[in-house]
Protein backbone atom coordinates (compact mmCIF):
# COMPACT_ATOMS: atom_id res chain seq x y z
CA MET A 1 104.56 93.48 89.33
CA LEU A 2 101.86 91.94 91.62
CA LEU A 3 101.76 94.90 93.14
CA GLY A 4 101.35 97.30 90.20
CA ALA A 5 98.51 95.70 88.91
CA MET A 6 96.51 96.05 92.01
CA PHE A 7 97.33 99.36 91.99
CA ALA A 8 96.06 99.27 88.54
CA MET A 9 92.88 97.57 89.40
CA ASN A 10 92.36 99.95 92.49
CA ALA A 11 91.78 103.28 90.37
CA ALA A 12 89.96 102.13 87.34
CA GLU A 13 87.66 101.39 90.53
CA PHE A 14 88.06 104.75 92.08
CA ALA A 15 87.47 106.09 88.85
CA SER A 16 84.68 104.14 88.06
CA ASP A 17 83.27 105.39 91.86
CA PRO A 18 80.18 108.00 91.83
CA ALA A 19 81.22 108.75 95.02
CA TYR A 20 84.96 110.07 93.63
CA THR A 21 82.94 112.67 91.51
CA THR A 22 81.36 113.95 93.98
CA MET A 23 84.47 115.07 95.86
CA VAL A 24 83.77 118.22 97.30
CA ASN A 25 86.33 120.40 95.03
CA GLU A 26 88.92 119.27 91.93
CA ALA A 27 91.93 119.40 94.49
CA GLN A 28 90.68 116.36 96.41
CA ARG A 29 90.35 114.53 93.20
CA LEU A 30 93.90 115.50 92.31
CA MET A 31 95.44 114.63 95.37
CA LEU A 32 94.33 111.34 94.88
CA ALA A 33 94.99 111.04 91.80
CA GLY A 34 98.67 111.89 92.22
CA LEU A 35 98.63 109.54 95.51
CA GLN A 36 97.30 106.79 92.99
CA ALA A 37 99.82 107.14 90.32
CA THR A 38 103.15 107.70 92.97
CA SER A 39 102.43 104.23 94.69
CA ASP A 40 101.79 103.00 91.29
CA TYR A 41 105.70 103.85 90.31
CA THR A 42 106.49 102.80 93.94
CA SER A 43 105.34 99.15 93.88
CA PHE A 44 106.46 98.55 90.07
CA HIS A 45 110.15 100.09 91.12
CA LEU A 46 109.80 97.63 94.23
CA GLY A 47 109.29 94.64 92.50
CA LEU A 48 112.00 95.11 89.87
CA ILE A 49 114.37 95.82 92.91
CA ILE A 50 112.79 92.71 94.76
CA SER A 51 113.18 90.23 91.15
CA SER A 52 116.79 91.47 90.56
CA ALA A 53 118.34 90.68 93.93
CA ALA A 54 116.63 87.15 93.37
CA ASN A 55 118.01 86.97 90.06
CA ALA A 56 121.71 87.46 91.63
CA GLY A 57 121.01 85.00 94.09
CA PHE A 58 119.85 82.38 91.88
CA PHE A 59 123.36 82.72 89.55
CA TYR A 60 125.33 82.94 92.72
CA LEU A 61 123.99 79.41 93.34
CA PHE A 62 124.91 78.96 90.17
CA ILE A 63 128.17 79.72 90.61
CA LYS A 64 128.97 77.82 94.43
CA SER A 65 127.31 74.48 92.58
CA GLY A 66 129.25 74.15 89.84
CA LEU A 67 125.96 73.33 87.46
CA ILE A 68 126.75 75.49 84.82
CA PRO A 69 130.39 76.62 83.55
CA LYS A 70 131.45 79.50 86.28
CA LEU A 71 131.54 82.10 83.50
CA ILE A 72 128.62 81.90 82.19
CA ALA A 73 127.22 82.53 86.07
CA GLY A 74 129.03 84.63 86.71
CA TRP A 75 128.51 87.02 83.36
CA GLY A 76 125.12 86.13 84.71
CA LEU A 77 125.70 87.53 88.40
CA PHE A 78 127.57 90.87 86.98
CA VAL A 79 124.82 91.75 84.33
CA ARG A 80 122.36 91.93 87.07
CA TYR A 81 124.52 94.33 88.89
CA LEU A 82 124.48 96.41 86.32
CA SER A 83 120.83 96.44 86.15
């Protein structure tokens, strides 16, 4: 999620920079905007995958430790793999 915020701030900085508006043609500006959108999309989904894996590991540790009932920990692990 932090990467997505960083890319959004970079996009705002690019758009406000006078050098961005003085690019040679519209194709270069569109290419830069497309690259920004793709990298933002990728960083968001990569963050979701990593956080889901971390959450699944957390529930796995709950199953192994027995701190909470195994049914609840197993349900959390199962639901994490569905999303």
